Amino acid sequence: MPKYMILFKANPSSWPNDPKQVLTVIQGVLAGADQLFKMGALKEVGWFSPQDGYAVFEAESKDKVMGMVAGFFPLYSQEIREVVSWEKGKEALLSAARMAASM
């Protein structure tokens, strides 16, 4: 199944200033991520700072991932990238190099 890495970053202008409201928003975001973990699509989340991090999804297509993360916007901006596995990437690189070398 294809893998996708999402780099996400909080949009400060979309967040409330009141600490109680911030707590409510964070609880909602974490509950949403927990649901995606339970569905099996979300495989890993890591943080670079309290405002940004990454997530790894396994899904049929990029549009499916877009739909799953759409609910986190505008709180977070997301950059979605498809990940090619080591084996598939290695074969593609070698195949291209072999083709170029044979010309």
PDB file of N, CA and C in Angstrom:
ATOM      1  N   MET A   1       0.855  -1.178   0.000  1.00  0.00           N
ATOM      2  CA  MET A   1       0.000   0.000   0.000  1.00  0.00           C
ATOM      3  C   MET A   1       0.900   1.240   0.000  1.00  0.00           C
ATOM      4  N   PRO A   2       0.548   2.261  -0.787  1.00  0.00           N
ATOM      5  CA  PRO A   2       1.358   3.477  -0.825  1.00  0.00           C
ATOM      6  C   PRO A   2       1.447   4.163   0.544  1.00  0.00           C
ATOM      7  N   LYS A   3       2.614   4.780   0.774  1.00  0.00           N
ATOM      8  CA  LYS A   3       2.835   5.544   2.008  1.00  0.00           C
ATOM      9  C   LYS A   3       2.948   7.016   1.663  1.00  0.00           C
ATOM     10  N   TYR A   4       2.496   7.831   2.592  1.00  0.00           N
ATOM     11  CA  TYR A   4       2.544   9.275   2.426  1.00  0.00           C
ATOM     12  C   TYR A   4       3.072   9.900   3.704  1.00  0.00           C
ATOM     13  N   MET A   5       3.999  10.841   3.541  1.00  0.00           N
ATOM     14  CA  MET A   5       4.493  11.604   4.677  1.00  0.00           C
ATOM     15  C   MET A   5       3.876  12.993   4.600  1.00  0.00           C
ATOM     16  N   ILE A   6       3.290  13.404   5.702  1.00  0.00           N
ATOM     17  CA  ILE A   6       2.722  14.738   5.798  1.00  0.00           C
ATOM     18  C   ILE A   6       3.589  15.543   6.752  1.00  0.00           C
ATOM     19  N   LEU A   7       4.088  16.663   6.256  1.00  0.00           N
ATOM     20  CA  LEU A   7       4.764  17.623   7.119  1.00  0.00           C
ATOM     21  C   LEU A   7       3.704  18.644   7.495  1.00  0.00           C
ATOM     22  N   PHE A   8       3.502  18.859   8.796  1.00  0.00           N
ATOM     23  CA  PHE A   8       2.459  19.798   9.209  1.00  0.00           C
ATOM     24  C   PHE A   8       3.043  20.899  10.082  1.00  0.00           C
ATOM     25  N   LYS A   9       2.388  22.053  10.021  1.00  0.00           N
ATOM     26  CA  LYS A   9       2.823  23.221  10.780  1.00  0.00           C
ATOM     27  C   LYS A   9       1.589  23.981  11.233  1.00  0.00           C
ATOM     28  N   ALA A  10       1.584  24.361  12.506  1.00  0.00           N
ATOM     29  CA  ALA A  10       0.454  25.106  13.048  1.00  0.00           C
ATOM     30  C   ALA A  10       0.367  26.483  12.403  1.00  0.00           C
ATOM     31  N   ASN A  11      -0.856  26.927  12.178  1.00  0.00           N
ATOM     32  CA  ASN A  11      -1.123  28.278  11.685  1.00  0.00           C
ATOM     33  C   ASN A  11      -1.535  29.129  12.886  1.00  0.00           C
ATOM     34  N   PRO A  12      -0.607  29.886  13.471  1.00  0.00           N
ATOM     35  CA  PRO A  12      -0.896  30.616  14.716  1.00  0.00           C
ATOM     36  C   PRO A  12      -2.127  31.512  14.638  1.00  0.00           C
ATOM     37  N   SER A  13      -2.390  32.105  13.497  1.00  0.00           N
ATOM     38  CA  SER A  13      -3.535  33.007  13.392  1.00  0.00           C
ATOM     39  C   SER A  13      -4.874  32.276  13.497  1.00  0.00           C
ATOM     40  N   SER A  14      -4.861  30.956  13.333  1.00  0.00           N
ATOM     41  CA  SER A  14      -6.099  30.174  13.421  1.00  0.00           C
ATOM     42  C   SER A  14      -6.382  29.653  14.827  1.00  0.00           C
ATOM     43  N   TRP A  15      -5.422  29.803  15.715  1.00  0.00           N
ATOM     44  CA  TRP A  15      -5.561  29.269  17.070  1.00  0.00           C
ATOM     45  C   TRP A  15      -6.124  30.335  18.010  1.00  0.00           C
ATOM     46  N   PRO A  16      -6.914  29.899  18.988  1.00  0.00           N
ATOM     47  CA  PRO A  16      -7.418  30.855  19.978  1.00  0.00           C
ATOM     48  C   PRO A  16      -6.281  31.321  20.901  1.00  0.00           C
ATOM     49  N   ASN A  17      -6.509  32.423  21.591  1.00  0.00           N
ATOM     50  CA  ASN A  17      -5.532  32.941  22.550  1.00  0.00           C
ATOM     51  C   ASN A  17      -5.800  32.487  23.972  1.00  0.00           C
ATOM     52  N   ASP A  18      -7.042  32.183  24.267  1.00  0.00           N
ATOM     53  CA  ASP A  18      -7.425  31.769  25.614  1.00  0.00           C
ATOM     54  C   ASP A  18      -6.914  30.351  25.887  1.00  0.00           C
ATOM     55  N   PRO A  19      -6.155  30.145  26.965  1.00  0.00           N
ATOM     56  CA  PRO A  19      -5.597  28.818  27.268  1.00  0.00           C
ATOM     57  C   PRO A  19      -6.648  27.710  27.366  1.00  0.00           C
ATOM     58  N   LYS A  20      -7.829  28.029  27.874  1.00  0.00           N
ATOM     59  CA  LYS A  20      -8.878  27.007  27.969  1.00  0.00           C
ATOM     60  C   LYS A  20      -9.361  26.593  26.576  1.00  0.00           C
ATOM     61  N   GLN A  21      -9.450  27.549  25.679  1.00  0.00           N
ATOM     62  CA  GLN A  21      -9.839  27.227  24.313  1.00  0.00           C
ATOM     63  C   GLN A  21      -8.728  26.454  23.601  1.00  0.00           C
ATOM     64  N   VAL A  22      -7.479  26.826  23.882  1.00  0.00           N
ATOM     65  CA  VAL A  22      -6.348  26.095  23.295  1.00  0.00           C
ATOM     66  C   VAL A  22      -6.406  24.635  23.737  1.00  0.00           C
ATOM     67  N   LEU A  23      -6.671  24.400  25.021  1.00  0.00           N
ATOM     68  CA  LEU A  23      -6.786  23.029  25.528  1.00  0.00           C
ATOM     69  C   LEU A  23      -7.870  22.270  24.776  1.00  0.00           C
ATOM     70  N   THR A  24      -9.001  22.899  24.578  1.00  0.00           N
ATOM     71  CA  THR A  24     -10.104  22.257  23.855  1.00  0.00           C
ATOM     72  C   THR A  24      -9.689  21.906  22.428  1.00  0.00           C
ATOM     73  N   VAL A  25      -8.999  22.817  21.757  1.00  0.00           N
ATOM     74  CA  VAL A  25      -8.555  22.572  20.388  1.00  0.00           C
ATOM     75  C   VAL A  25      -7.557  21.416  20.359  1.00  0.00           C
ATOM     76  N   ILE A  26      -6.581  21.443  21.266  1.00  0.00           N
ATOM     77  CA  ILE A  26      -5.578  20.367  21.304  1.00  0.00           C
ATOM     78  C   ILE A  26      -6.236  19.019  21.573  1.00  0.00           C
ATOM     79  N   GLN A  27      -7.182  18.978  22.476  1.00  0.00           N
ATOM     80  CA  GLN A  27      -7.888  17.726  22.750  1.00  0.00           C
ATOM     81  C   GLN A  27      -8.602  17.225  21.499  1.00  0.00           C
ATOM     82  N   GLY A  28      -9.209  18.128  20.750  1.00  0.00           N
ATOM     83  CA  GLY A  28      -9.886  17.742  19.519  1.00  0.00           C
ATOM     84  C   GLY A  28      -8.920  17.230  18.466  1.00  0.00           C
ATOM     85  N   VAL A  29      -7.782  17.900  18.318  1.00  0.00           N
ATOM     86  CA  VAL A  29      -6.768  17.475  17.347  1.00  0.00           C
ATOM     87  C   VAL A  29      -6.243  16.087  17.700  1.00  0.00           C
ATOM     88  N   LEU A  30      -5.933  15.885  18.976  1.00  0.00           N
ATOM     89  CA  LEU A  30      -5.409  14.582  19.405  1.00  0.00           C
ATOM     90  C   LEU A  30      -6.452  13.480  19.247  1.00  0.00           C
ATOM     91  N   ALA A  31      -7.700  13.793  19.518  1.00  0.00           N
ATOM     92  CA  ALA A  31      -8.773  12.808  19.335  1.00  0.00           C
ATOM     93  C   ALA A  31      -8.919  12.456  17.852  1.00  0.00           C
ATOM     94  N   GLY A  32      -8.780  13.445  16.986  1.00  0.00           N
ATOM     95  CA  GLY A  32      -8.842  13.181  15.555  1.00  0.00           C
ATOM     96  C   GLY A  32      -7.718  12.266  15.103  1.00  0.00           C
ATOM     97  N   ALA A  33      -6.506  12.530  15.598  1.00  0.00           N
ATOM     98  CA  ALA A  33      -5.368  11.670  15.252  1.00  0.00           C
ATOM     99  C   ALA A  33      -5.567  10.263  15.812  1.00  0.00           C
ATOM    100  N   ASP A  34      -6.050  10.169  17.044  1.00  0.00           N
ATOM    101  CA  ASP A  34      -6.322   8.845  17.623  1.00  0.00           C
ATOM    102  C   ASP A  34      -7.302   8.062  16.760  1.00  0.00           C
ATOM    103  N   GLN A  35      -8.308   8.736  16.224  1.00  0.00           N
ATOM    104  CA  GLN A  35      -9.289   8.068  15.359  1.00  0.00           C
ATOM    105  C   GLN A  35      -8.625   7.557  14.085  1.00  0.00           C
ATOM    106  N   LEU A  36      -7.722   8.355  13.505  1.00  0.00           N
ATOM    107  CA  LEU A  36      -7.015   7.923  12.294  1.00  0.00           C
ATOM    108  C   LEU A  36      -6.100   6.731  12.590  1.00  0.00           C
ATOM    109  N   PHE A  37      -5.499   6.714  13.785  1.00  0.00           N
ATOM    110  CA  PHE A  37      -4.707   5.535  14.188  1.00  0.00           C
ATOM    111  C   PHE A  37      -5.607   4.305  14.273  1.00  0.00           C
ATOM    112  N   LYS A  38      -6.776   4.454  14.880  1.00  0.00           N
ATOM    113  CA  LYS A  38      -7.705   3.325  15.026  1.00  0.00           C
ATOM    114  C   LYS A  38      -8.195   2.814  13.673  1.00  0.00           C
ATOM    115  N   MET A  39      -8.355   3.720  12.720  1.00  0.00           N
ATOM    116  CA  MET A  39      -8.775   3.329  11.363  1.00  0.00           C
ATOM    117  C   MET A  39      -7.669   2.557  10.649  1.00  0.00           C
ATOM    118  N   GLY A  40      -6.438   2.720  11.109  1.00  0.00           N
ATOM    119  CA  GLY A  40      -5.318   2.004  10.515  1.00  0.00           C
ATOM    120  C   GLY A  40      -4.561   2.765   9.448  1.00  0.00           C
ATOM    121  N   ALA A  41      -5.051   3.926   9.052  1.00  0.00           N
ATOM    122  CA  ALA A  41      -4.377   4.697   8.000  1.00  0.00           C
ATOM    123  C   ALA A  41      -3.171   5.457   8.537  1.00  0.00           C
ATOM    124  N   LEU A  42      -3.287   6.008   9.728  1.00  0.00           N
ATOM    125  CA  LEU A  42      -2.192   6.756  10.346  1.00  0.00           C
ATOM    126  C   LEU A  42      -1.275   5.775  11.050  1.00  0.00           C
ATOM    127  N   LYS A  43      -0.013   5.785  10.657  1.00  0.00           N
ATOM    128  CA  LYS A  43       0.947   4.813  11.185  1.00  0.00           C
ATOM    129  C   LYS A  43       1.914   5.410  12.190  1.00  0.00           C
ATOM    130  N   GLU A  44       2.217   6.696  12.050  1.00  0.00           N
ATOM    131  CA  GLU A  44       3.228   7.308  12.913  1.00  0.00           C
ATOM    132  C   GLU A  44       3.042   8.823  12.908  1.00  0.00           C
ATOM    133  N   VAL A  45       3.282   9.436  14.064  1.00  0.00           N
ATOM    134  CA  VAL A  45       3.308  10.893  14.178  1.00  0.00           C
ATOM    135  C   VAL A  45       4.514  11.246  15.024  1.00  0.00           C
ATOM    136  N   GLY A  46       5.217  12.265  14.611  1.00  0.00           N
ATOM    137  CA  GLY A  46       6.362  12.747  15.379  1.00  0.00           C
ATOM    138  C   GLY A  46       6.360  14.263  15.381  1.00  0.00           C
ATOM    139  N   TRP A  47       6.941  14.827  16.413  1.00  0.00           N
ATOM    140  CA  TRP A  47       6.961  16.278  16.579  1.00  0.00           C
ATOM    141  C   TRP A  47       8.380  16.804  16.442  1.00  0.00           C
ATOM    142  N   PHE A  48       8.539  17.918  15.708  1.00  0.00           N
ATOM    143  CA  PHE A  48       9.810  18.632  15.642  1.00  0.00           C
ATOM    144  C   PHE A  48       9.830  19.730  16.703  1.00  0.00           C
ATOM    145  N   SER A  49       8.664  20.265  16.988  1.00  0.00           N
ATOM    146  CA  SER A  49       8.465  21.303  18.000  1.00  0.00           C
ATOM    147  C   SER A  49       6.997  21.227  18.409  1.00  0.00           C
ATOM    148  N   PRO A  50       6.555  22.025  19.375  1.00  0.00           N
ATOM    149  CA  PRO A  50       5.123  22.001  19.710  1.00  0.00           C
ATOM    150  C   PRO A  50       4.223  22.480  18.567  1.00  0.00           C
ATOM    151  N   GLN A  51       4.814  23.126  17.555  1.00  0.00           N
ATOM    152  CA  GLN A  51       4.018  23.676  16.463  1.00  0.00           C
ATOM    153  C   GLN A  51       4.094  22.888  15.160  1.00  0.00           C
ATOM    154  N   ASP A  52       5.083  21.999  15.001  1.00  0.00           N
ATOM    155  CA  ASP A  52       5.189  21.302  13.728  1.00  0.00           C
ATOM    156  C   ASP A  52       5.754  19.902  13.886  1.00  0.00           C
ATOM    157  N   GLY A  53       5.472  19.078  12.865  1.00  0.00           N
ATOM    158  CA  GLY A  53       5.914  17.694  12.923  1.00  0.00           C
ATOM    159  C   GLY A  53       5.600  16.970  11.631  1.00  0.00           C
ATOM    160  N   TYR A  54       5.495  15.655  11.750  1.00  0.00           N
ATOM    161  CA  TYR A  54       5.229  14.829  10.575  1.00  0.00           C
ATOM    162  C   TYR A  54       4.273  13.712  10.948  1.00  0.00           C
ATOM    163  N   ALA A  55       3.635  13.173   9.920  1.00  0.00           N
ATOM    164  CA  ALA A  55       2.771  12.009  10.079  1.00  0.00           C
ATOM    165  C   ALA A  55       3.000  11.094   8.890  1.00  0.00           C
ATOM    166  N   VAL A  56       2.890   9.795   9.118  1.00  0.00           N
ATOM    167  CA  VAL A  56       3.021   8.816   8.047  1.00  0.00           C
ATOM    168  C   VAL A  56       1.686   8.076   7.927  1.00  0.00           C
ATOM    169  N   PHE A  57       1.159   8.084   6.724  1.00  0.00           N
ATOM    170  CA  PHE A  57      -0.100   7.409   6.415  1.00  0.00           C
ATOM    171  C   PHE A  57       0.146   6.291   5.421  1.00  0.00           C
ATOM    172  N   GLU A  58      -0.671   5.271   5.472  1.00  0.00           N
ATOM    173  CA  GLU A  58      -0.781   4.281   4.415  1.00  0.00           C
ATOM    174  C   GLU A  58      -2.206   4.375   3.905  1.00  0.00           C
ATOM    175  N   ALA A  59      -2.320   4.620   2.605  1.00  0.00           N
ATOM    176  CA  ALA A  59      -3.648   4.793   2.005  1.00  0.00           C
ATOM    177  C   ALA A  59      -3.584   4.437   0.528  1.00  0.00           C
ATOM    178  N   GLU A  60      -4.746   4.223  -0.056  1.00  0.00           N
ATOM    179  CA  GLU A  60      -4.839   3.846  -1.468  1.00  0.00           C
ATOM    180  C   GLU A  60      -4.311   4.919  -2.401  1.00  0.00           C
ATOM    181  N   SER A  61      -4.497   6.192  -2.017  1.00  0.00           N
ATOM    182  CA  SER A  61      -4.102   7.278  -2.909  1.00  0.00           C
ATOM    183  C   SER A  61      -3.938   8.574  -2.118  1.00  0.00           C
ATOM    184  N   LYS A  62      -3.288   9.527  -2.766  1.00  0.00           N
ATOM    185  CA  LYS A  62      -3.047  10.818  -2.142  1.00  0.00           C
ATOM    186  C   LYS A  62      -4.361  11.537  -1.842  1.00  0.00           C
ATOM    187  N   ASP A  63      -5.344  11.411  -2.717  1.00  0.00           N
ATOM    188  CA  ASP A  63      -6.610  12.089  -2.465  1.00  0.00           C
ATOM    189  C   ASP A  63      -7.299  11.556  -1.216  1.00  0.00           C
ATOM    190  N   LYS A  64      -7.103  10.269  -0.919  1.00  0.00           N
ATOM    191  CA  LYS A  64      -7.670   9.701   0.315  1.00  0.00           C
ATOM    192  C   LYS A  64      -7.008  10.347   1.531  1.00  0.00           C
ATOM    193  N   VAL A  65      -5.689  10.522   1.468  1.00  0.00           N
ATOM    194  CA  VAL A  65      -4.962  11.168   2.570  1.00  0.00           C
ATOM    195  C   VAL A  65      -5.410  12.623   2.705  1.00  0.00           C
ATOM    196  N   MET A  66      -5.559  13.298   1.573  1.00  0.00           N
ATOM    197  CA  MET A  66      -6.025  14.687   1.615  1.00  0.00           C
ATOM    198  C   MET A  66      -7.354  14.792   2.368  1.00  0.00           C
ATOM    199  N   GLY A  67      -8.243  13.865   2.098  1.00  0.00           N
ATOM    200  CA  GLY A  67      -9.531  13.866   2.785  1.00  0.00           C
ATOM    201  C   GLY A  67      -9.402  13.616   4.276  1.00  0.00           C
ATOM    202  N   MET A  68      -8.457  12.752   4.648  1.00  0.00           N
ATOM    203  CA  MET A  68      -8.277  12.436   6.069  1.00  0.00           C
ATOM    204  C   MET A  68      -7.672  13.589   6.855  1.00  0.00           C
ATOM    205  N   VAL A  69      -6.823  14.391   6.224  1.00  0.00           N
ATOM    206  CA  VAL A  69      -6.178  15.479   6.953  1.00  0.00           C
ATOM    207  C   VAL A  69      -6.870  16.828   6.769  1.00  0.00           C
ATOM    208  N   ALA A  70      -7.856  16.886   5.889  1.00  0.00           N
ATOM    209  CA  ALA A  70      -8.540  18.153   5.611  1.00  0.00           C
ATOM    210  C   ALA A  70      -9.148  18.777   6.866  1.00  0.00           C
ATOM    211  N   GLY A  71      -9.623  17.964   7.769  1.00  0.00           N
ATOM    212  CA  GLY A  71     -10.253  18.472   8.988  1.00  0.00           C
ATOM    213  C   GLY A  71      -9.301  19.184   9.941  1.00  0.00           C
ATOM    214  N   PHE A  72      -8.001  19.023   9.743  1.00  0.00           N
ATOM    215  CA  PHE A  72      -7.023  19.686  10.606  1.00  0.00           C
ATOM    216  C   PHE A  72      -6.685  21.098  10.108  1.00  0.00           C
ATOM    217  N   PHE A  73      -7.128  21.440   8.896  1.00  0.00           N
ATOM    218  CA  PHE A  73      -6.930  22.780   8.359  1.00  0.00           C
ATOM    219  C   PHE A  73      -8.125  23.621   8.757  1.00  0.00           C
ATOM    220  N   PRO A  74      -8.000  24.845   9.167  1.00  0.00           N
ATOM    221  CA  PRO A  74      -6.862  25.752   9.071  1.00  0.00           C
ATOM    222  C   PRO A  74      -5.930  25.738  10.282  1.00  0.00           C
ATOM    223  N   LEU A  75      -6.180  24.872  11.254  1.00  0.00           N
ATOM    224  CA  LEU A  75      -5.288  24.852  12.420  1.00  0.00           C
ATOM    225  C   LEU A  75      -3.859  24.505  12.022  1.00  0.00           C
ATOM    226  N   TYR A  76      -3.732  23.596  11.059  1.00  0.00           N
ATOM    227  CA  TYR A  76      -2.416  23.166  10.573  1.00  0.00           C
ATOM    228  C   TYR A  76      -2.396  23.207   9.058  1.00  0.00           C
ATOM    229  N   SER A  77      -1.283  23.666   8.502  1.00  0.00           N
ATOM    230  CA  SER A  77      -1.032  23.531   7.070  1.00  0.00           C
ATOM    231  C   SER A  77      -0.314  22.210   6.869  1.00  0.00           C
ATOM    232  N   GLN A  78      -0.606  21.548   5.757  1.00  0.00           N
ATOM    233  CA  GLN A  78      -0.006  20.243   5.503  1.00  0.00           C
ATOM    234  C   GLN A  78       0.649  20.199   4.137  1.00  0.00           C
ATOM    235  N   GLU A  79       1.780  19.523   4.094  1.00  0.00           N
ATOM    236  CA  GLU A  79       2.452  19.220   2.832  1.00  0.00           C
ATOM    237  C   GLU A  79       2.477  17.699   2.720  1.00  0.00           C
ATOM    238  N   ILE A  80       1.827  17.160   1.704  1.00  0.00           N
ATOM    239  CA  ILE A  80       1.693  15.711   1.544  1.00  0.00           C
ATOM    240  C   ILE A  80       2.661  15.229   0.473  1.00  0.00           C
ATOM    241  N   ARG A  81       3.476  14.240   0.834  1.00  0.00           N
ATOM    242  CA  ARG A  81       4.434  13.676  -0.111  1.00  0.00           C
ATOM    243  C   ARG A  81       4.304  12.163  -0.144  1.00  0.00           C
ATOM    244  N   GLU A  82       4.263  11.617  -1.364  1.00  0.00           N
ATOM    245  CA  GLU A  82       4.252  10.164  -1.497  1.00  0.00           C
ATOM    246  C   GLU A  82       5.663   9.642  -1.259  1.00  0.00           C
ATOM    247  N   VAL A  83       5.766   8.537  -0.552  1.00  0.00           N
ATOM    248  CA  VAL A  83       7.055   7.939  -0.222  1.00  0.00           C
ATOM    249  C   VAL A  83       7.240   6.676  -1.060  1.00  0.00           C
ATOM    250  N   VAL A  84       8.376   6.578  -1.720  1.00  0.00           N
ATOM    251  CA  VAL A  84       8.716   5.376  -2.485  1.00  0.00           C
ATOM    252  C   VAL A  84       9.586   4.505  -1.582  1.00  0.00           C
ATOM    253  N   SER A  85       9.248   3.237  -1.477  1.00  0.00           N
ATOM    254  CA  SER A  85      10.003   2.335  -0.607  1.00  0.00           C
ATOM    255  C   SER A  85      11.438   2.186  -1.098  1.00  0.00           C
ATOM    256  N   TRP A  86      12.303   1.730  -0.223  1.00  0.00           N
ATOM    257  CA  TRP A  86      13.714   1.510  -0.557  1.00  0.00           C
ATOM    258  C   TRP A  86      13.849   0.587  -1.761  1.00  0.00           C
ATOM    259  N   GLU A  87      13.174  -0.547  -1.725  1.00  0.00           N
ATOM    260  CA  GLU A  87      13.304  -1.525  -2.802  1.00  0.00           C
ATOM    261  C   GLU A  87      12.821  -0.973  -4.145  1.00  0.00           C
ATOM    262  N   LYS A  88      11.655  -0.346  -4.164  1.00  0.00           N
ATOM    263  CA  LYS A  88      11.132   0.199  -5.422  1.00  0.00           C
ATOM    264  C   LYS A  88      11.987   1.351  -5.917  1.00  0.00           C
ATOM    265  N   GLY A  89      12.436   2.200  -5.024  1.00  0.00           N
ATOM    266  CA  GLY A  89      13.293   3.315  -5.398  1.00  0.00           C
ATOM    267  C   GLY A  89      14.640   2.849  -5.912  1.00  0.00           C
ATOM    268  N   LYS A  90      15.204   1.852  -5.236  1.00  0.00           N
ATOM    269  CA  LYS A  90      16.493   1.303  -5.650  1.00  0.00           C
ATOM    270  C   LYS A  90      16.397   0.739  -7.065  1.00  0.00           C
ATOM    271  N   GLU A  91      15.351  -0.014  -7.336  1.00  0.00           N
ATOM    272  CA  GLU A  91      15.185  -0.620  -8.661  1.00  0.00           C
ATOM    273  C   GLU A  91      14.983   0.452  -9.727  1.00  0.00           C
ATOM    274  N   ALA A  92      14.201   1.476  -9.425  1.00  0.00           N
ATOM    275  CA  ALA A  92      13.977   2.553 -10.387  1.00  0.00           C
ATOM    276  C   ALA A  92      15.275   3.287 -10.711  1.00  0.00           C
ATOM    277  N   LEU A  93      16.069   3.567  -9.696  1.00  0.00           N
ATOM    278  CA  LEU A  93      17.341   4.263  -9.907  1.00  0.00           C
ATOM    279  C   LEU A  93      18.315   3.414 -10.704  1.00  0.00           C
ATOM    280  N   LEU A  94      18.411   2.140 -10.340  1.00  0.00           N
ATOM    281  CA  LEU A  94      19.312   1.250 -11.069  1.00  0.00           C
ATOM    282  C   LEU A  94      18.869   1.064 -12.513  1.00  0.00           C
ATOM    283  N   SER A  95      17.595   0.923 -12.737  1.00  0.00           N
ATOM    284  CA  SER A  95      17.066   0.737 -14.079  1.00  0.00           C
ATOM    285  C   SER A  95      17.382   1.972 -14.947  1.00  0.00           C
ATOM    286  N   ALA A  96      17.171   3.162 -14.405  1.00  0.00           N
ATOM    287  CA  ALA A  96      17.471   4.376 -15.156  1.00  0.00           C
ATOM    288  C   ALA A  96      18.963   4.498 -15.446  1.00  0.00           C
ATOM    289  N   ALA A  97      19.797   4.155 -14.457  1.00  0.00           N
ATOM    290  CA  ALA A  97      21.254   4.229 -14.651  1.00  0.00           C
ATOM    291  C   ALA A  97      21.712   3.206 -15.685  1.00  0.00           C
ATOM    292  N   ARG A  98      21.130   2.004 -15.633  1.00  0.00           N
ATOM    293  CA  ARG A  98      21.496   0.973 -16.613  1.00  0.00           C
ATOM    294  C   ARG A  98      21.103   1.398 -18.024  1.00  0.00           C
ATOM    295  N   MET A  99      19.915   1.988 -18.154  1.00  0.00           N
ATOM    296  CA  MET A  99      19.452   2.428 -19.454  1.00  0.00           C
ATOM    297  C   MET A  99      20.391   3.527 -19.994  1.00  0.00           C
ATOM    298  N   ALA A 100      20.736   4.482 -19.156  1.00  0.00           N
ATOM    299  CA  ALA A 100      21.615   5.566 -19.587  1.00  0.00           C
ATOM    300  C   ALA A 100      23.002   5.025 -19.949  1.00  0.00           C
ATOM    301  N   ALA A 101      23.485   4.044 -19.203  1.00  0.00           N
ATOM    302  CA  ALA A 101      24.817   3.482 -19.450  1.00  0.00           C
ATOM    303  C   ALA A 101      24.855   2.648 -20.737  1.00  0.00           C
ATOM    304  N   SER A 102      23.733   2.124 -21.161  1.00  0.00           N
ATOM    305  CA  SER A 102      23.695   1.287 -22.356  1.00  0.00           C
ATOM    306  C   SER A 102      23.584   2.085 -23.650  1.00  0.00           C
ATOM    307  N   MET A 103      23.396   3.352 -23.568  1.00  0.00           N
ATOM    308  CA  MET A 103      23.235   4.192 -24.770  1.00  0.00           C
ATOM    309  C   MET A 103      24.566   4.642 -25.322  1.00  0.00           C
TER     310      MET A 103
END
